[in-house]
């Protein structure tokens, strides 16, 4: 008990540590408690956070912030329209073709399994093949039920997607436009003596920014290279596989 008391006195005697702990607790409480309702806001914050690097780079070359925000926002809208009217229809069409041809793939697979006892009688028997085929049938039935339940709830998913498409771009624009006002307002609400909080935030922000931006670049690079490679090789469903 004395050890615990000494640790508590040593760790929390510094007001900076207490302030940092309170900020972290409040932040986690907001994310865990209101995450479902504030999901569009959180998504907008992440996107604005990624785009802030481009805006800052344009500002460093002498462009005022408002024109830089407008240019970056128009670029994001262009990419959004490309995904909505360019990529998504292709992926949807290839997914529909895959679903339509899936039963024929299952049938061909079963035929190949039935030939295995003749080609490799010492490795597999007909009973084992029948057991595998029955297990595949059960898995297909389970998959069919899952697809049916997903299709029944697709209306809710579509409504949520529409909400995201309408709210997120607007929120991203205002987060970029009024970033200094929002950061200043939050800073005014925090205690004046917050050296530790500022240091932790600066170091964490740099690491998080590098990771998130690197991951986004990786997604685009892997998707583009995969699509080009699959298309050159003549592979079916290249856009669907690259997106996945």
C-alpha atoms as a PDB file:
ATOM      1  CA  UNK A   1       0.000   0.000   0.000  1.00  0.00           C
ATOM      2  CA  UNK A   2       2.874   2.371   0.771  1.00  0.00           C
ATOM      3  CA  UNK A   3       4.410   1.616  -2.608  1.00  0.00           C
ATOM      4  CA  UNK A   4       1.139   2.459  -4.342  1.00  0.00           C
ATOM      5  CA  UNK A   5       0.794   5.677  -2.349  1.00  0.00           C
ATOM      6  CA  UNK A   6       4.370   6.706  -3.155  1.00  0.00           C
ATOM      7  CA  UNK A   7       3.868   5.959  -6.844  1.00  0.00           C
ATOM      8  CA  UNK A   8       0.630   7.954  -6.926  1.00  0.00           C
ATOM      9  CA  UNK A   9       2.250  10.924  -5.139  1.00  0.00           C
ATOM     10  CA  UNK A  10       5.313  10.782  -7.380  1.00  0.00           C
ATOM     11  CA  UNK A  11       3.357  10.449 -10.627  1.00  0.00           C
ATOM     12  CA  UNK A  12       0.482  12.851 -10.019  1.00  0.00           C
ATOM     13  CA  UNK A  13       2.152  15.545  -7.964  1.00  0.00           C
ATOM     14  CA  UNK A  14       2.988  17.313 -11.233  1.00  0.00           C
ATOM     15  CA  UNK A  15      -0.056  19.289 -12.492  1.00  0.00           C
ATOM     16  CA  UNK A  16       1.115  18.736 -16.090  1.00  0.00           C
ATOM     17  CA  UNK A  17       0.645  14.979 -15.704  1.00  0.00           C
ATOM     18  CA  UNK A  18      -2.821  15.495 -14.233  1.00  0.00           C
ATOM     19  CA  UNK A  19      -3.807  17.766 -17.138  1.00  0.00           C
ATOM     20  CA  UNK A  20      -2.540  15.219 -19.672  1.00  0.00           C
ATOM     21  CA  UNK A  21      -4.445  12.417 -17.928  1.00  0.00           C
ATOM     22  CA  UNK A  22      -7.678  14.433 -17.861  1.00  0.00           C
ATOM     23  CA  UNK A  23      -7.359  15.313 -21.561  1.00  0.00           C
ATOM     24  CA  UNK A  24      -6.784  11.654 -22.482  1.00  0.00           C
ATOM     25  CA  UNK A  25      -9.704  10.426 -20.369  1.00  0.00           C
ATOM     26  CA  UNK A  26     -12.073  13.002 -21.853  1.00  0.00           C
ATOM     27  CA  UNK A  27     -10.915  12.189 -25.377  1.00  0.00           C
ATOM     28  CA  UNK A  28     -11.362   8.430 -24.927  1.00  0.00           C
ATOM     29  CA  UNK A  29     -14.753   8.974 -23.285  1.00  0.00           C
ATOM     30  CA  UNK A  30     -15.971  11.013 -26.257  1.00  0.00           C
ATOM     31  CA  UNK A  31     -14.736   8.458 -28.777  1.00  0.00           C
ATOM     32  CA  UNK A  32     -16.148   5.438 -26.922  1.00  0.00           C
ATOM     33  CA  UNK A  33     -19.404   7.024 -25.805  1.00  0.00           C
ATOM     34  CA  UNK A  34     -20.343   9.058 -28.873  1.00  0.00           C
ATOM     35  CA  UNK A  35     -18.434   7.203 -31.582  1.00  0.00           C
ATOM     36  CA  UNK A  36     -21.545   5.783 -33.253  1.00  0.00           C
ATOM     37  CA  UNK A  37     -23.315   9.152 -33.485  1.00  0.00           C
ATOM     38  CA  UNK A  38     -20.241  11.219 -34.296  1.00  0.00           C
ATOM     39  CA  UNK A  39     -18.801   8.815 -36.872  1.00  0.00           C
ATOM     40  CA  UNK A  40     -19.206  11.308 -39.791  1.00  0.00           C
ATOM     41  CA  UNK A  41     -17.459  13.961 -37.714  1.00  0.00           C
ATOM     42  CA  UNK A  42     -14.578  11.624 -36.852  1.00  0.00           C
ATOM     43  CA  UNK A  43     -14.253  10.590 -40.506  1.00  0.00           C
ATOM     44  CA  UNK A  44     -14.211  14.251 -41.541  1.00  0.00           C
ATOM     45  CA  UNK A  45     -11.534  15.047 -38.961  1.00  0.00           C
ATOM     46  CA  UNK A  46      -9.323  12.231 -40.279  1.00  0.00           C
ATOM     47  CA  UNK A  47      -9.755  13.336 -43.912  1.00  0.00           C
ATOM     48  CA  UNK A  48      -9.153  16.996 -43.041  1.00  0.00           C
ATOM     49  CA  UNK A  49      -6.103  15.927 -41.062  1.00  0.00           C
ATOM     50  CA  UNK A  50      -4.708  14.182 -44.139  1.00  0.00           C
ATOM     51  CA  UNK A  51      -5.482  17.110 -46.427  1.00  0.00           C
ATOM     52  CA  UNK A  52      -3.974  19.669 -44.054  1.00  0.00           C
ATOM     53  CA  UNK A  53      -0.488  18.611 -45.199  1.00  0.00           C
ATOM     54  CA  UNK A  54      -1.336  19.574 -48.803  1.00  0.00           C
ATOM     55  CA  UNK A  55      -2.882  22.874 -47.709  1.00  0.00           C
ATOM     56  CA  UNK A  56       0.175  23.668 -45.594  1.00  0.00           C
ATOM     57  CA  UNK A  57       2.481  22.873 -48.508  1.00  0.00           C
ATOM     58  CA  UNK A  58       0.554  25.238 -50.776  1.00  0.00           C
ATOM     59  CA  UNK A  59       0.766  27.912 -48.096  1.00  0.00           C
ATOM     60  CA  UNK A  60       4.539  27.465 -47.860  1.00  0.00           C
ATOM     61  CA  UNK A  61       4.906  28.311 -51.556  1.00  0.00           C
ATOM     62  CA  UNK A  62       3.059  31.602 -50.988  1.00  0.00           C
ATOM     63  CA  UNK A  63      -0.601  30.765 -51.626  1.00  0.00           C
ATOM     64  CA  UNK A  64      -3.167  32.201 -49.161  1.00  0.00           C
ATOM     65  CA  UNK A  65      -4.973  29.642 -47.040  1.00  0.00           C
ATOM     66  CA  UNK A  66      -8.468  30.121 -48.483  1.00  0.00           C
ATOM     67  CA  UNK A  67      -7.468  29.522 -52.140  1.00  0.00           C
ATOM     68  CA  UNK A  68      -5.356  26.568 -51.000  1.00  0.00           C
ATOM     69  CA  UNK A  69      -8.342  25.079 -49.157  1.00  0.00           C
ATOM     70  CA  UNK A  70     -10.596  25.573 -52.191  1.00  0.00           C
ATOM     71  CA  UNK A  71      -8.084  23.906 -54.540  1.00  0.00           C
ATOM     72  CA  UNK A  72      -7.594  20.922 -52.232  1.00  0.00           C
ATOM     73  CA  UNK A  73     -11.347  20.603 -51.656  1.00  0.00           C
ATOM     74  CA  UNK A  74     -12.052  20.631 -55.402  1.00  0.00           C
ATOM     75  CA  UNK A  75      -9.387  17.949 -55.841  1.00  0.00           C
ATOM     76  CA  UNK A  76     -11.108  15.816 -53.205  1.00  0.00           C
ATOM     77  CA  UNK A  77     -14.489  16.292 -54.903  1.00  0.00           C
ATOM     78  CA  UNK A  78     -12.946  15.234 -58.218  1.00  0.00           C
ATOM     79  CA  UNK A  79     -11.588  12.051 -56.643  1.00  0.00           C
ATOM     80  CA  UNK A  80     -14.945  11.420 -54.974  1.00  0.00           C
ATOM     81  CA  UNK A  81     -16.813  11.720 -58.283  1.00  0.00           C
ATOM     82  CA  UNK A  82     -14.238   9.430 -59.901  1.00  0.00           C
ATOM     83  CA  UNK A  83     -14.880   6.767 -57.272  1.00  0.00           C
ATOM     84  CA  UNK A  84     -18.663   7.175 -57.397  1.00  0.00           C
ATOM     85  CA  UNK A  85     -19.124   7.247 -61.169  1.00  0.00           C
ATOM     86  CA  UNK A  86     -15.945   5.565 -62.367  1.00  0.00           C
ATOM     87  CA  UNK A  87     -14.671   2.885 -60.006  1.00  0.00           C
ATOM     88  CA  UNK A  88     -17.799   1.818 -58.126  1.00  0.00           C
ATOM     89  CA  UNK A  89     -19.876   0.970 -61.267  1.00  0.00           C
ATOM     90  CA  UNK A  90     -17.009  -1.185 -62.598  1.00  0.00           C
ATOM     91  CA  UNK A  91     -16.568  -2.977 -59.266  1.00  0.00           C
ATOM     92  CA  UNK A  92     -20.331  -3.448 -58.920  1.00  0.00           C
ATOM     93  CA  UNK A  93     -20.597  -4.922 -62.412  1.00  0.00           C
ATOM     94  CA  UNK A  94     -17.707  -7.321 -61.848  1.00  0.00           C
ATOM     95  CA  UNK A  95     -19.137  -8.337 -58.457  1.00  0.00           C
ATOM     96  CA  UNK A  96     -22.482  -9.106 -60.110  1.00  0.00           C
ATOM     97  CA  UNK A  97     -20.734 -11.220 -62.753  1.00  0.00           C
ATOM     98  CA  UNK A  98     -18.820 -13.088 -60.062  1.00  0.00           C
ATOM     99  CA  UNK A  99     -21.994 -13.845 -58.111  1.00  0.00           C
ATOM    100  CA  UNK A 100     -23.728 -15.073 -61.268  1.00  0.00           C
ATOM    101  CA  UNK A 101     -20.849 -17.374 -62.205  1.00  0.00           C
ATOM    102  CA  UNK A 102     -20.158 -18.561 -58.670  1.00  0.00           C
ATOM    103  CA  UNK A 103     -22.475 -21.640 -58.872  1.00  0.00           C
ATOM    104  CA  UNK A 104     -20.681 -22.816 -62.026  1.00  0.00           C
ATOM    105  CA  UNK A 105     -17.347 -22.438 -60.224  1.00  0.00           C
ATOM    106  CA  UNK A 106     -18.676 -24.565 -57.352  1.00  0.00           C
ATOM    107  CA  UNK A 107     -19.893 -27.207 -59.791  1.00  0.00           C
ATOM    108  CA  UNK A 108     -16.531 -27.352 -61.576  1.00  0.00           C
ATOM    109  CA  UNK A 109     -14.773 -27.633 -58.228  1.00  0.00           C
ATOM    110  CA  UNK A 110     -16.987 -30.557 -57.210  1.00  0.00           C
ATOM    111  CA  UNK A 111     -16.253 -32.324 -60.497  1.00  0.00           C
ATOM    112  CA  UNK A 112     -12.521 -31.935 -59.899  1.00  0.00           C
ATOM    113  CA  UNK A 113     -12.916 -33.319 -56.369  1.00  0.00           C
ATOM    114  CA  UNK A 114     -14.798 -36.362 -57.660  1.00  0.00           C
ATOM    115  CA  UNK A 115     -11.892 -37.152 -60.000  1.00  0.00           C
ATOM    116  CA  UNK A 116      -9.311 -37.139 -57.212  1.00  0.00           C
ATOM    117  CA  UNK A 117      -9.995 -40.720 -55.948  1.00  0.00           C
ATOM    118  CA  UNK A 118      -9.411 -42.034 -59.476  1.00  0.00           C
ATOM    119  CA  UNK A 119      -6.150 -40.106 -59.915  1.00  0.00           C
ATOM    120  CA  UNK A 120      -4.821 -40.514 -56.349  1.00  0.00           C
ATOM    121  CA  UNK A 121      -6.547 -43.510 -54.740  1.00  0.00           C
ATOM    122  CA  UNK A 122      -3.794 -43.905 -52.162  1.00  0.00           C
ATOM    123  CA  UNK A 123      -4.269 -40.328 -50.877  1.00  0.00           C
ATOM    124  CA  UNK A 124      -8.031 -39.759 -50.853  1.00  0.00           C
ATOM    125  CA  UNK A 125     -11.134 -41.915 -50.972  1.00  0.00           C
ATOM    126  CA  UNK A 126     -14.621 -41.355 -52.361  1.00  0.00           C
ATOM    127  CA  UNK A 127     -16.063 -41.116 -48.844  1.00  0.00           C
ATOM    128  CA  UNK A 128     -13.674 -38.311 -48.014  1.00  0.00           C
ATOM    129  CA  UNK A 129     -14.623 -36.501 -51.212  1.00  0.00           C
ATOM    130  CA  UNK A 130     -18.331 -36.828 -50.397  1.00  0.00           C
ATOM    131  CA  UNK A 131     -17.672 -35.481 -46.906  1.00  0.00           C
ATOM    132  CA  UNK A 132     -15.817 -32.480 -48.339  1.00  0.00           C
ATOM    133  CA  UNK A 133     -18.625 -31.802 -50.829  1.00  0.00           C
ATOM    134  CA  UNK A 134     -21.258 -31.954 -48.075  1.00  0.00           C
ATOM    135  CA  UNK A 135     -19.229 -29.534 -45.939  1.00  0.00           C
ATOM    136  CA  UNK A 136     -18.952 -27.174 -48.909  1.00  0.00           C
ATOM    137  CA  UNK A 137     -22.736 -27.351 -49.323  1.00  0.00           C
ATOM    138  CA  UNK A 138     -23.276 -26.459 -45.681  1.00  0.00           C
ATOM    139  CA  UNK A 139     -20.860 -23.531 -45.958  1.00  0.00           C
ATOM    140  CA  UNK A 140     -22.649 -22.299 -49.082  1.00  0.00           C
ATOM    141  CA  UNK A 141     -25.992 -22.443 -47.272  1.00  0.00           C
ATOM    142  CA  UNK A 142     -24.552 -20.427 -44.394  1.00  0.00           C
ATOM    143  CA  UNK A 143     -23.059 -17.940 -46.845  1.00  0.00           C
ATOM    144  CA  UNK A 144     -26.410 -17.618 -48.619  1.00  0.00           C
ATOM    145  CA  UNK A 145     -28.162 -16.798 -45.351  1.00  0.00           C
ATOM    146  CA  UNK A 146     -25.513 -14.191 -44.554  1.00  0.00           C
ATOM    147  CA  UNK A 147     -25.915 -12.587 -47.999  1.00  0.00           C
ATOM    148  CA  UNK A 148     -29.711 -12.544 -47.568  1.00  0.00           C
ATOM    149  CA  UNK A 149     -29.482 -10.865 -44.175  1.00  0.00           C
ATOM    150  CA  UNK A 150     -27.018  -8.339 -45.590  1.00  0.00           C
ATOM    151  CA  UNK A 151     -29.336  -7.534 -48.496  1.00  0.00           C
ATOM    152  CA  UNK A 152     -32.241  -6.981 -46.093  1.00  0.00           C
ATOM    153  CA  UNK A 153     -30.190  -4.462 -44.141  1.00  0.00           C
ATOM    154  CA  UNK A 154     -28.755  -2.822 -47.264  1.00  0.00           C
ATOM    155  CA  UNK A 155     -31.381  -0.061 -47.134  1.00  0.00           C
ATOM    156  CA  UNK A 156     -29.977   1.123 -43.817  1.00  0.00           C
ATOM    157  CA  UNK A 157     -26.462   0.915 -45.237  1.00  0.00           C
ATOM    158  CA  UNK A 158     -27.464   2.983 -48.266  1.00  0.00           C
ATOM    159  CA  UNK A 159     -29.027   5.636 -46.039  1.00  0.00           C
ATOM    160  CA  UNK A 160     -25.844   5.773 -43.959  1.00  0.00           C
ATOM    161  CA  UNK A 161     -23.757   6.062 -47.137  1.00  0.00           C
ATOM    162  CA  UNK A 162     -25.900   8.967 -48.374  1.00  0.00           C
ATOM    163  CA  UNK A 163     -25.462  10.715 -45.018  1.00  0.00           C
ATOM    164  CA  UNK A 164     -21.704  10.296 -45.266  1.00  0.00           C
ATOM    165  CA  UNK A 165     -21.594  11.557 -48.851  1.00  0.00           C
ATOM    166  CA  UNK A 166     -23.552  14.674 -47.924  1.00  0.00           C
ATOM    167  CA  UNK A 167     -22.093  15.524 -44.530  1.00  0.00           C
ATOM    168  CA  UNK A 168     -18.434  14.538 -44.777  1.00  0.00           C
ATOM    169  CA  UNK A 169     -17.437  16.844 -47.686  1.00  0.00           C
ATOM    170  CA  UNK A 170     -19.136  19.818 -46.020  1.00  0.00           C
ATOM    171  CA  UNK A 171     -17.497  19.079 -42.672  1.00  0.00           C
ATOM    172  CA  UNK A 172     -14.091  18.593 -44.295  1.00  0.00           C
ATOM    173  CA  UNK A 173     -14.342  21.973 -46.030  1.00  0.00           C
ATOM    174  CA  UNK A 174     -15.195  23.854 -42.847  1.00  0.00           C
ATOM    175  CA  UNK A 175     -12.609  21.954 -40.807  1.00  0.00           C
ATOM    176  CA  UNK A 176      -9.934  23.039 -43.268  1.00  0.00           C
ATOM    177  CA  UNK A 177     -11.285  26.569 -43.623  1.00  0.00           C
ATOM    178  CA  UNK A 178     -11.736  27.296 -39.898  1.00  0.00           C
ATOM    179  CA  UNK A 179      -8.897  25.171 -38.550  1.00  0.00           C
ATOM    180  CA  UNK A 180      -7.144  28.061 -36.795  1.00  0.00           C
ATOM    181  CA  UNK A 181     -10.393  29.220 -35.155  1.00  0.00           C
ATOM    182  CA  UNK A 182     -11.222  25.717 -33.892  1.00  0.00           C
ATOM    183  CA  UNK A 183      -7.720  25.035 -32.598  1.00  0.00           C
ATOM    184  CA  UNK A 184      -7.664  28.425 -30.896  1.00  0.00           C
ATOM    185  CA  UNK A 185     -11.036  27.810 -29.261  1.00  0.00           C
ATOM    186  CA  UNK A 186      -9.892  24.420 -27.915  1.00  0.00           C
ATOM    187  CA  UNK A 187      -6.608  25.921 -26.711  1.00  0.00           C
ATOM    188  CA  UNK A 188      -8.502  28.629 -24.792  1.00  0.00           C
ATOM    189  CA  UNK A 189     -10.455  25.945 -22.935  1.00  0.00           C
ATOM    190  CA  UNK A 190      -7.291  24.167 -21.781  1.00  0.00           C
ATOM    191  CA  UNK A 191      -5.196  25.330 -18.822  1.00  0.00           C
ATOM    192  CA  UNK A 192      -2.444  27.846 -19.564  1.00  0.00           C
ATOM    193  CA  UNK A 193       0.271  25.596 -18.154  1.00  0.00           C
ATOM    194  CA  UNK A 194       0.159  22.653 -20.540  1.00  0.00           C
ATOM    195  CA  UNK A 195       3.755  22.177 -21.612  1.00  0.00           C
ATOM    196  CA  UNK A 196       3.592  18.380 -21.245  1.00  0.00           C
ATOM    197  CA  UNK A 197       0.333  18.162 -23.193  1.00  0.00           C
ATOM    198  CA  UNK A 198       1.791  20.258 -26.019  1.00  0.00           C
ATOM    199  CA  UNK A 199       4.965  18.151 -26.151  1.00  0.00           C
ATOM    200  CA  UNK A 200       3.072  14.856 -26.169  1.00  0.00           C
ATOM    201  CA  UNK A 201       0.660  16.142 -28.814  1.00  0.00           C
ATOM    202  CA  UNK A 202       3.489  17.384 -31.059  1.00  0.00           C
ATOM    203  CA  UNK A 203       5.383  14.096 -30.892  1.00  0.00           C
ATOM    204  CA  UNK A 204       2.240  11.964 -31.285  1.00  0.00           C
ATOM    205  CA  UNK A 205       0.947  14.114 -34.146  1.00  0.00           C
ATOM    206  CA  UNK A 206       4.140  13.650 -36.123  1.00  0.00           C
ATOM    207  CA  UNK A 207       4.099   9.865 -35.705  1.00  0.00           C
ATOM    208  CA  UNK A 208       0.373   9.501 -36.412  1.00  0.00           C
ATOM    209  CA  UNK A 209       0.602  11.770 -39.464  1.00  0.00           C
ATOM    210  CA  UNK A 210       3.469   9.776 -40.942  1.00  0.00           C
ATOM    211  CA  UNK A 211       1.672   6.472 -40.357  1.00  0.00           C
ATOM    212  CA  UNK A 212      -1.739   7.526 -41.695  1.00  0.00           C
ATOM    213  CA  UNK A 213      -0.402   9.317 -44.762  1.00  0.00           C
ATOM    214  CA  UNK A 214       1.950   6.431 -45.490  1.00  0.00           C
ATOM    215  CA  UNK A 215      -0.898   3.935 -45.179  1.00  0.00           C
ATOM    216  CA  UNK A 216      -3.118   5.946 -47.534  1.00  0.00           C
ATOM    217  CA  UNK A 217      -0.307   6.158 -50.094  1.00  0.00           C
ATOM    218  CA  UNK A 218       0.259   2.420 -49.741  1.00  0.00           C
ATOM    219  CA  UNK A 219      -3.439   1.720 -50.399  1.00  0.00           C
ATOM    220  CA  UNK A 220      -3.475   3.769 -53.597  1.00  0.00           C
ATOM    221  CA  UNK A 221      -0.149   2.397 -54.857  1.00  0.00           C
ATOM    222  CA  UNK A 222      -1.030  -1.252 -54.179  1.00  0.00           C
ATOM    223  CA  UNK A 223      -4.506  -0.820 -55.715  1.00  0.00           C
ATOM    224  CA  UNK A 224      -3.192   0.865 -58.862  1.00  0.00           C
ATOM    225  CA  UNK A 225      -0.306  -1.573 -59.405  1.00  0.00           C
ATOM    226  CA  UNK A 226      -2.568  -4.565 -58.753  1.00  0.00           C
ATOM    227  CA  UNK A 227      -5.207  -3.334 -61.207  1.00  0.00           C
ATOM    228  CA  UNK A 228      -2.654  -2.637 -63.945  1.00  0.00           C
ATOM    229  CA  UNK A 229      -0.945  -6.009 -63.429  1.00  0.00           C
ATOM    230  CA  UNK A 230      -4.200  -7.997 -63.421  1.00  0.00           C
ATOM    231  CA  UNK A 231      -5.441  -6.148 -66.506  1.00  0.00           C
ATOM    232  CA  UNK A 232      -2.216  -6.812 -68.426  1.00  0.00           C
ATOM    233  CA  UNK A 233      -2.402 -10.499 -67.478  1.00  0.00           C
ATOM    234  CA  UNK A 234      -6.017 -10.640 -68.669  1.00  0.00           C
ATOM    235  CA  UNK A 235      -7.348 -11.716 -65.281  1.00  0.00           C
ATOM    236  CA  UNK A 236     -11.080 -11.515 -64.716  1.00  0.00           C
ATOM    237  CA  UNK A 237     -12.469  -9.129 -62.077  1.00  0.00           C
ATOM    238  CA  UNK A 238      -9.248  -7.083 -62.024  1.00  0.00           C
ATOM    239  CA  UNK A 239     -10.967  -3.954 -60.653  1.00  0.00           C
ATOM    240  CA  UNK A 240     -12.791  -5.946 -57.962  1.00  0.00           C
ATOM    241  CA  UNK A 241      -9.626  -7.756 -56.847  1.00  0.00           C
ATOM    242  CA  UNK A 242      -7.561  -4.553 -56.873  1.00  0.00           C
ATOM    243  CA  UNK A 243     -10.181  -2.763 -54.761  1.00  0.00           C
ATOM    244  CA  UNK A 244     -10.235  -5.609 -52.255  1.00  0.00           C
END
